[in-house]
Amino acid sequence: MLWIVKKEASHQIMSCNVHEDADDKGQAYYQLWITRPNGKNLKIEESYDEAHIREVKEAIDYAIEQNERALRLA
């Protein structure tokens, strides 16, 4: 498992997923959700910029594949 460190918080995670939704004007926005070992989900990032969300997800996936212990998100 991987620890995500963001601002003042750290979360141990098992997986992450991108969710696409639309605002009240119909414009798409993207959310990055993590699943924690306790089975609870937590949204850690959201943006109208899909590329930004995908980049963060790819960084998390890469850290998991490389058996990193922690990843600090800015």
PDB file of N, CA and C in Angstrom:
ATOM      1  N   MET A   1       0.831  -1.186   0.000  1.00  0.00           N
ATOM      2  CA  MET A   1       0.000   0.000   0.000  1.00  0.00           C
ATOM      3  C   MET A   1       0.871   1.244   0.000  1.00  0.00           C
ATOM      4  N   LEU A   2       0.272   2.316  -0.376  1.00  0.00           N
ATOM      5  CA  LEU A   2       0.974   3.584  -0.556  1.00  0.00           C
ATOM      6  C   LEU A   2       0.381   4.630   0.381  1.00  0.00           C
ATOM      7  N   TRP A   3       1.245   5.492   0.881  1.00  0.00           N
ATOM      8  CA  TRP A   3       0.790   6.644   1.656  1.00  0.00           C
ATOM      9  C   TRP A   3       0.790   7.854   0.736  1.00  0.00           C
ATOM     10  N   ILE A   4      -0.315   8.588   0.724  1.00  0.00           N
ATOM     11  CA  ILE A   4      -0.429   9.857   0.006  1.00  0.00           C
ATOM     12  C   ILE A   4      -0.306  10.961   1.039  1.00  0.00           C
ATOM     13  N   VAL A   5       0.607  11.888   0.800  1.00  0.00           N
ATOM     14  CA  VAL A   5       0.789  13.026   1.694  1.00  0.00           C
ATOM     15  C   VAL A   5       0.364  14.261   0.917  1.00  0.00           C
ATOM     16  N   LYS A   6      -0.640  14.965   1.444  1.00  0.00           N
ATOM     17  CA  LYS A   6      -1.156  16.156   0.781  1.00  0.00           C
ATOM     18  C   LYS A   6      -1.447  17.202   1.846  1.00  0.00           C
ATOM     19  N   LYS A   7      -0.794  18.333   1.714  1.00  0.00           N
ATOM     20  CA  LYS A   7      -0.921  19.418   2.685  1.00  0.00           C
ATOM     21  C   LYS A   7      -0.598  18.905   4.073  1.00  0.00           C
ATOM     22  N   GLU A   8      -1.528  19.001   4.986  1.00  0.00           N
ATOM     23  CA  GLU A   8      -1.310  18.613   6.380  1.00  0.00           C
ATOM     24  C   GLU A   8      -1.781  17.200   6.699  1.00  0.00           C
ATOM     25  N   ALA A   9      -2.216  16.447   5.688  1.00  0.00           N
ATOM     26  CA  ALA A   9      -2.789  15.125   5.947  1.00  0.00           C
ATOM     27  C   ALA A   9      -2.047  14.043   5.181  1.00  0.00           C
ATOM     28  N   SER A  10      -2.103  12.829   5.716  1.00  0.00           N
ATOM     29  CA  SER A  10      -1.568  11.666   5.007  1.00  0.00           C
ATOM     30  C   SER A  10      -2.607  10.549   5.090  1.00  0.00           C
ATOM     31  N   HIS A  11      -2.702   9.794   4.000  1.00  0.00           N
ATOM     32  CA  HIS A  11      -3.706   8.735   3.905  1.00  0.00           C
ATOM     33  C   HIS A  11      -3.070   7.499   3.288  1.00  0.00           C
ATOM     34  N   GLN A  12      -3.263   6.373   3.927  1.00  0.00           N
ATOM     35  CA  GLN A  12      -2.835   5.124   3.339  1.00  0.00           C
ATOM     36  C   GLN A  12      -3.904   4.702   2.342  1.00  0.00           C
ATOM     37  N   ILE A  13      -3.489   4.325   1.137  1.00  0.00           N
ATOM     38  CA  ILE A  13      -4.474   4.010   0.101  1.00  0.00           C
ATOM     39  C   ILE A  13      -4.244   2.619  -0.483  1.00  0.00           C
ATOM     40  N   MET A  14      -5.341   2.092  -1.026  1.00  0.00           N
ATOM     41  CA  MET A  14      -5.289   0.807  -1.717  1.00  0.00           C
ATOM     42  C   MET A  14      -5.458   0.993  -3.219  1.00  0.00           C
ATOM     43  N   SER A  15      -6.224   2.009  -3.615  1.00  0.00           N
ATOM     44  CA  SER A  15      -6.463   2.242  -5.038  1.00  0.00           C
ATOM     45  C   SER A  15      -6.912   3.678  -5.251  1.00  0.00           C
ATOM     46  N   CYS A  16      -6.932   4.082  -6.522  1.00  0.00           N
ATOM     47  CA  CYS A  16      -7.456   5.404  -6.871  1.00  0.00           C
ATOM     48  C   CYS A  16      -8.202   5.298  -8.195  1.00  0.00           C
ATOM     49  N   ASN A  17      -9.210   6.157  -8.342  1.00  0.00           N
ATOM     50  CA  ASN A  17     -10.050   6.131  -9.531  1.00  0.00           C
ATOM     51  C   ASN A  17     -10.471   7.546  -9.902  1.00  0.00           C
ATOM     52  N   VAL A  18     -10.676   7.760 -11.199  1.00  0.00           N
ATOM     53  CA  VAL A  18     -11.147   9.044 -11.710  1.00  0.00           C
ATOM     54  C   VAL A  18     -12.656   8.946 -11.931  1.00  0.00           C
ATOM     55  N   HIS A  19     -13.343   9.978 -11.496  1.00  0.00           N
ATOM     56  CA  HIS A  19     -14.790  10.062 -11.692  1.00  0.00           C
ATOM     57  C   HIS A  19     -15.080  11.340 -12.467  1.00  0.00           C
ATOM     58  N   GLU A  20     -15.889  11.228 -13.502  1.00  0.00           N
ATOM     59  CA  GLU A  20     -16.296  12.394 -14.292  1.00  0.00           C
ATOM     60  C   GLU A  20     -17.722  12.760 -13.927  1.00  0.00           C
ATOM     61  N   ASP A  21     -17.962  14.043 -13.762  1.00  0.00           N
ATOM     62  CA  ASP A  21     -19.287  14.542 -13.420  1.00  0.00           C
ATOM     63  C   ASP A  21     -19.509  15.840 -14.190  1.00  0.00           C
ATOM     64  N   ALA A  22     -20.649  16.465 -14.013  1.00  0.00           N
ATOM     65  CA  ALA A  22     -20.938  17.740 -14.670  1.00  0.00           C
ATOM     66  C   ALA A  22     -21.472  18.722 -13.636  1.00  0.00           C
ATOM     67  N   ASP A  23     -21.100  19.991 -13.794  1.00  0.00           N
ATOM     68  CA  ASP A  23     -21.615  21.012 -12.893  1.00  0.00           C
ATOM     69  C   ASP A  23     -23.024  21.408 -13.318  1.00  0.00           C
ATOM     70  N   ASP A  24     -23.599  22.380 -12.631  1.00  0.00           N
ATOM     71  CA  ASP A  24     -24.981  22.769 -12.929  1.00  0.00           C
ATOM     72  C   ASP A  24     -25.146  23.423 -14.293  1.00  0.00           C
ATOM     73  N   LYS A  25     -24.036  23.800 -14.935  1.00  0.00           N
ATOM     74  CA  LYS A  25     -24.080  24.371 -16.285  1.00  0.00           C
ATOM     75  C   LYS A  25     -23.792  23.318 -17.357  1.00  0.00           C
ATOM     76  N   GLY A  26     -23.597  22.071 -16.925  1.00  0.00           N
ATOM     77  CA  GLY A  26     -23.333  20.987 -17.857  1.00  0.00           C
ATOM     78  C   GLY A  26     -21.879  20.820 -18.249  1.00  0.00           C
ATOM     79  N   GLN A  27     -20.978  21.595 -17.631  1.00  0.00           N
ATOM     80  CA  GLN A  27     -19.557  21.491 -17.948  1.00  0.00           C
ATOM     81  C   GLN A  27     -18.939  20.333 -17.155  1.00  0.00           C
ATOM     82  N   ALA A  28     -18.186  19.503 -17.851  1.00  0.00           N
ATOM     83  CA  ALA A  28     -17.567  18.345 -17.214  1.00  0.00           C
ATOM     84  C   ALA A  28     -16.468  18.771 -16.257  1.00  0.00           C
ATOM     85  N   TYR A  29     -16.404  18.085 -15.127  1.00  0.00           N
ATOM     86  CA  TYR A  29     -15.275  18.228 -14.228  1.00  0.00           C
ATOM     87  C   TYR A  29     -14.898  16.836 -13.725  1.00  0.00           C
ATOM     88  N   TYR A  30     -13.697  16.726 -13.198  1.00  0.00           N
ATOM     89  CA  TYR A  30     -13.119  15.427 -12.889  1.00  0.00           C
ATOM     90  C   TYR A  30     -12.688  15.386 -11.432  1.00  0.00           C
ATOM     91  N   GLN A  31     -12.871  14.217 -10.822  1.00  0.00           N
ATOM     92  CA  GLN A  31     -12.517  14.017  -9.432  1.00  0.00           C
ATOM     93  C   GLN A  31     -11.615  12.801  -9.324  1.00  0.00           C
ATOM     94  N   LEU A  32     -10.660  12.876  -8.399  1.00  0.00           N
ATOM     95  CA  LEU A  32      -9.791  11.741  -8.113  1.00  0.00           C
ATOM     96  C   LEU A  32     -10.130  11.240  -6.717  1.00  0.00           C
ATOM     97  N   TRP A  33     -10.577   9.994  -6.644  1.00  0.00           N
ATOM     98  CA  TRP A  33     -10.981   9.378  -5.394  1.00  0.00           C
ATOM     99  C   TRP A  33     -10.000   8.277  -5.031  1.00  0.00           C
ATOM    100  N   ILE A  34      -9.712   8.141  -3.734  1.00  0.00           N
ATOM    101  CA  ILE A  34      -8.876   7.046  -3.250  1.00  0.00           C
ATOM    102  C   ILE A  34      -9.719   6.137  -2.368  1.00  0.00           C
ATOM    103  N   THR A  35      -9.314   4.865  -2.313  1.00  0.00           N
ATOM    104  CA  THR A  35      -9.926   3.903  -1.406  1.00  0.00           C
ATOM    105  C   THR A  35      -8.903   3.595  -0.323  1.00  0.00           C
ATOM    106  N   ARG A  36      -9.332   3.721   0.924  1.00  0.00           N
ATOM    107  CA  ARG A  36      -8.448   3.479   2.061  1.00  0.00           C
ATOM    108  C   ARG A  36      -8.653   2.056   2.586  1.00  0.00           C
ATOM    109  N   PRO A  37      -7.712   1.540   3.366  1.00  0.00           N
ATOM    110  CA  PRO A  37      -7.830   0.161   3.873  1.00  0.00           C
ATOM    111  C   PRO A  37      -9.089  -0.094   4.705  1.00  0.00           C
ATOM    112  N   ASN A  38      -9.662   0.953   5.285  1.00  0.00           N
ATOM    113  CA  ASN A  38     -10.875   0.776   6.084  1.00  0.00           C
ATOM    114  C   ASN A  38     -12.132   0.685   5.212  1.00  0.00           C
ATOM    115  N   GLY A  39     -11.942   0.704   3.878  1.00  0.00           N
ATOM    116  CA  GLY A  39     -13.053   0.589   2.947  1.00  0.00           C
ATOM    117  C   GLY A  39     -13.733   1.903   2.611  1.00  0.00           C
ATOM    118  N   LYS A  40     -13.319   2.983   3.257  1.00  0.00           N
ATOM    119  CA  LYS A  40     -13.917   4.292   2.990  1.00  0.00           C
ATOM    120  C   LYS A  40     -13.192   4.971   1.843  1.00  0.00           C
ATOM    121  N   ASN A  41     -13.941   5.743   1.066  1.00  0.00           N
ATOM    122  CA  ASN A  41     -13.382   6.486  -0.063  1.00  0.00           C
ATOM    123  C   ASN A  41     -13.217   7.944   0.323  1.00  0.00           C
ATOM    124  N   LEU A  42     -12.280   8.607  -0.337  1.00  0.00           N
ATOM    125  CA  LEU A  42     -12.005  10.007  -0.059  1.00  0.00           C
ATOM    126  C   LEU A  42     -11.632  10.700  -1.358  1.00  0.00           C
ATOM    127  N   LYS A  43     -12.278  11.832  -1.635  1.00  0.00           N
ATOM    128  CA  LYS A  43     -11.930  12.638  -2.809  1.00  0.00           C
ATOM    129  C   LYS A  43     -10.706  13.468  -2.435  1.00  0.00           C
ATOM    130  N   ILE A  44      -9.636  13.345  -3.231  1.00  0.00           N
ATOM    131  CA  ILE A  44      -8.421  14.095  -2.904  1.00  0.00           C
ATOM    132  C   ILE A  44      -8.106  15.202  -3.905  1.00  0.00           C
ATOM    133  N   GLU A  45      -8.789  15.207  -5.030  1.00  0.00           N
ATOM    134  CA  GLU A  45      -8.509  16.217  -6.054  1.00  0.00           C
ATOM    135  C   GLU A  45      -9.721  16.358  -6.954  1.00  0.00           C
ATOM    136  N   GLU A  46      -9.997  17.592  -7.415  1.00  0.00           N
ATOM    137  CA  GLU A  46     -11.010  17.791  -8.444  1.00  0.00           C
ATOM    138  C   GLU A  46     -10.626  18.996  -9.281  1.00  0.00           C
ATOM    139  N   SER A  47     -10.998  18.931 -10.565  1.00  0.00           N
ATOM    140  CA  SER A  47     -10.605  19.973 -11.496  1.00  0.00           C
ATOM    141  C   SER A  47     -11.439  19.874 -12.767  1.00  0.00           C
ATOM    142  N   TYR A  48     -11.559  20.996 -13.454  1.00  0.00           N
ATOM    143  CA  TYR A  48     -12.157  20.986 -14.791  1.00  0.00           C
ATOM    144  C   TYR A  48     -11.135  20.503 -15.817  1.00  0.00           C
ATOM    145  N   ASP A  49      -9.875  20.445 -15.430  1.00  0.00           N
ATOM    146  CA  ASP A  49      -8.783  20.042 -16.308  1.00  0.00           C
ATOM    147  C   ASP A  49      -8.555  18.534 -16.194  1.00  0.00           C
ATOM    148  N   GLU A  50      -9.079  17.792 -17.151  1.00  0.00           N
ATOM    149  CA  GLU A  50      -8.946  16.337 -17.116  1.00  0.00           C
ATOM    150  C   GLU A  50      -7.482  15.907 -17.122  1.00  0.00           C
ATOM    151  N   ALA A  51      -6.647  16.592 -17.890  1.00  0.00           N
ATOM    152  CA  ALA A  51      -5.236  16.231 -17.982  1.00  0.00           C
ATOM    153  C   ALA A  51      -4.555  16.299 -16.613  1.00  0.00           C
ATOM    154  N   HIS A  52      -4.911  17.305 -15.818  1.00  0.00           N
ATOM    155  CA  HIS A  52      -4.319  17.429 -14.478  1.00  0.00           C
ATOM    156  C   HIS A  52      -4.693  16.236 -13.606  1.00  0.00           C
ATOM    157  N   ILE A  53      -5.962  15.867 -13.603  1.00  0.00           N
ATOM    158  CA  ILE A  53      -6.423  14.741 -12.792  1.00  0.00           C
ATOM    159  C   ILE A  53      -5.771  13.443 -13.257  1.00  0.00           C
ATOM    160  N   ARG A  54      -5.695  13.255 -14.567  1.00  0.00           N
ATOM    161  CA  ARG A  54      -5.059  12.038 -15.109  1.00  0.00           C
ATOM    162  C   ARG A  54      -3.570  11.989 -14.754  1.00  0.00           C
ATOM    163  N   GLU A  55      -2.907  13.143 -14.753  1.00  0.00           N
ATOM    164  CA  GLU A  55      -1.486  13.188 -14.395  1.00  0.00           C
ATOM    165  C   GLU A  55      -1.272  12.768 -12.937  1.00  0.00           C
ATOM    166  N   VAL A  56      -2.121  13.246 -12.037  1.00  0.00           N
ATOM    167  CA  VAL A  56      -2.010  12.862 -10.633  1.00  0.00           C
ATOM    168  C   VAL A  56      -2.271  11.366 -10.469  1.00  0.00           C
ATOM    169  N   LYS A  57      -3.287  10.855 -11.156  1.00  0.00           N
ATOM    170  CA  LYS A  57      -3.585   9.420 -11.077  1.00  0.00           C
ATOM    171  C   LYS A  57      -2.417   8.594 -11.605  1.00  0.00           C
ATOM    172  N   GLU A  58      -1.832   9.006 -12.708  1.00  0.00           N
ATOM    173  CA  GLU A  58      -0.691   8.282 -13.263  1.00  0.00           C
ATOM    174  C   GLU A  58       0.492   8.292 -12.297  1.00  0.00           C
ATOM    175  N   ALA A  59       0.702   9.402 -11.609  1.00  0.00           N
ATOM    176  CA  ALA A  59       1.782   9.483 -10.615  1.00  0.00           C
ATOM    177  C   ALA A  59       1.526   8.501  -9.473  1.00  0.00           C
ATOM    178  N   ILE A  60       0.287   8.424  -9.019  1.00  0.00           N
ATOM    179  CA  ILE A  60      -0.056   7.478  -7.952  1.00  0.00           C
ATOM    180  C   ILE A  60       0.125   6.052  -8.439  1.00  0.00           C
ATOM    181  N   ASP A  61      -0.379   5.735  -9.626  1.00  0.00           N
ATOM    182  CA  ASP A  61      -0.235   4.388 -10.185  1.00  0.00           C
ATOM    183  C   ASP A  61       1.236   4.014 -10.339  1.00  0.00           C
ATOM    184  N   TYR A  62       2.048   4.944 -10.810  1.00  0.00           N
ATOM    185  CA  TYR A  62       3.473   4.679 -10.978  1.00  0.00           C
ATOM    186  C   TYR A  62       4.132   4.398  -9.624  1.00  0.00           C
ATOM    187  N   ALA A  63       3.792   5.200  -8.618  1.00  0.00           N
ATOM    188  CA  ALA A  63       4.361   4.995  -7.282  1.00  0.00           C
ATOM    189  C   ALA A  63       3.986   3.620  -6.738  1.00  0.00           C
ATOM    190  N   ILE A  64       2.746   3.200  -6.982  1.00  0.00           N
ATOM    191  CA  ILE A  64       2.317   1.874  -6.543  1.00  0.00           C
ATOM    192  C   ILE A  64       3.107   0.790  -7.269  1.00  0.00           C
ATOM    193  N   GLU A  65       3.251   0.925  -8.590  1.00  0.00           N
ATOM    194  CA  GLU A  65       3.987  -0.064  -9.388  1.00  0.00           C
ATOM    195  C   GLU A  65       5.448  -0.162  -8.969  1.00  0.00           C
ATOM    196  N   GLN A  66       6.029   0.938  -8.538  1.00  0.00           N
ATOM    197  CA  GLN A  66       7.446   0.967  -8.146  1.00  0.00           C
ATOM    198  C   GLN A  66       7.657   0.635  -6.667  1.00  0.00           C
ATOM    199  N   ASN A  67       6.577   0.246  -5.991  1.00  0.00           N
ATOM    200  CA  ASN A  67       6.631  -0.094  -4.572  1.00  0.00           C
ATOM    201  C   ASN A  67       7.148   1.034  -3.689  1.00  0.00           C
ATOM    202  N   GLU A  68       6.808   2.250  -4.074  1.00  0.00           N
ATOM    203  CA  GLU A  68       7.158   3.389  -3.231  1.00  0.00           C
ATOM    204  C   GLU A  68       6.315   3.310  -1.959  1.00  0.00           C
ATOM    205  N   ARG A  69       6.826   3.881  -0.897  1.00  0.00           N
ATOM    206  CA  ARG A  69       6.083   3.846   0.363  1.00  0.00           C
ATOM    207  C   ARG A  69       5.192   5.066   0.526  1.00  0.00           C
ATOM    208  N   ALA A  70       5.601   6.189  -0.096  1.00  0.00           N
ATOM    209  CA  ALA A  70       4.831   7.433   0.060  1.00  0.00           C
ATOM    210  C   ALA A  70       4.979   8.287  -1.190  1.00  0.00           C
ATOM    211  N   LEU A  71       3.951   9.118  -1.421  1.00  0.00           N
ATOM    212  CA  LEU A  71       3.961  10.064  -2.521  1.00  0.00           C
ATOM    213  C   LEU A  71       3.403  11.374  -2.001  1.00  0.00           C
ATOM    214  N   ARG A  72       4.179  12.441  -2.142  1.00  0.00           N
ATOM    215  CA  ARG A  72       3.734  13.760  -1.690  1.00  0.00           C
ATOM    216  C   ARG A  72       3.107  14.496  -2.874  1.00  0.00           C
ATOM    217  N   LEU A  73       1.866  14.944  -2.707  1.00  0.00           N
ATOM    218  CA  LEU A  73       1.164  15.711  -3.723  1.00  0.00           C
ATOM    219  C   LEU A  73       1.185  17.187  -3.329  1.00  0.00           C
ATOM    220  N   ALA A  74       1.479  18.040  -4.307  1.00  0.00           N
ATOM    221  CA  ALA A  74       1.539  19.478  -4.024  1.00  0.00           C
ATOM    222  C   ALA A  74       0.163  20.088  -4.050  1.00  0.00           C
TER     223      ALA A  74
END
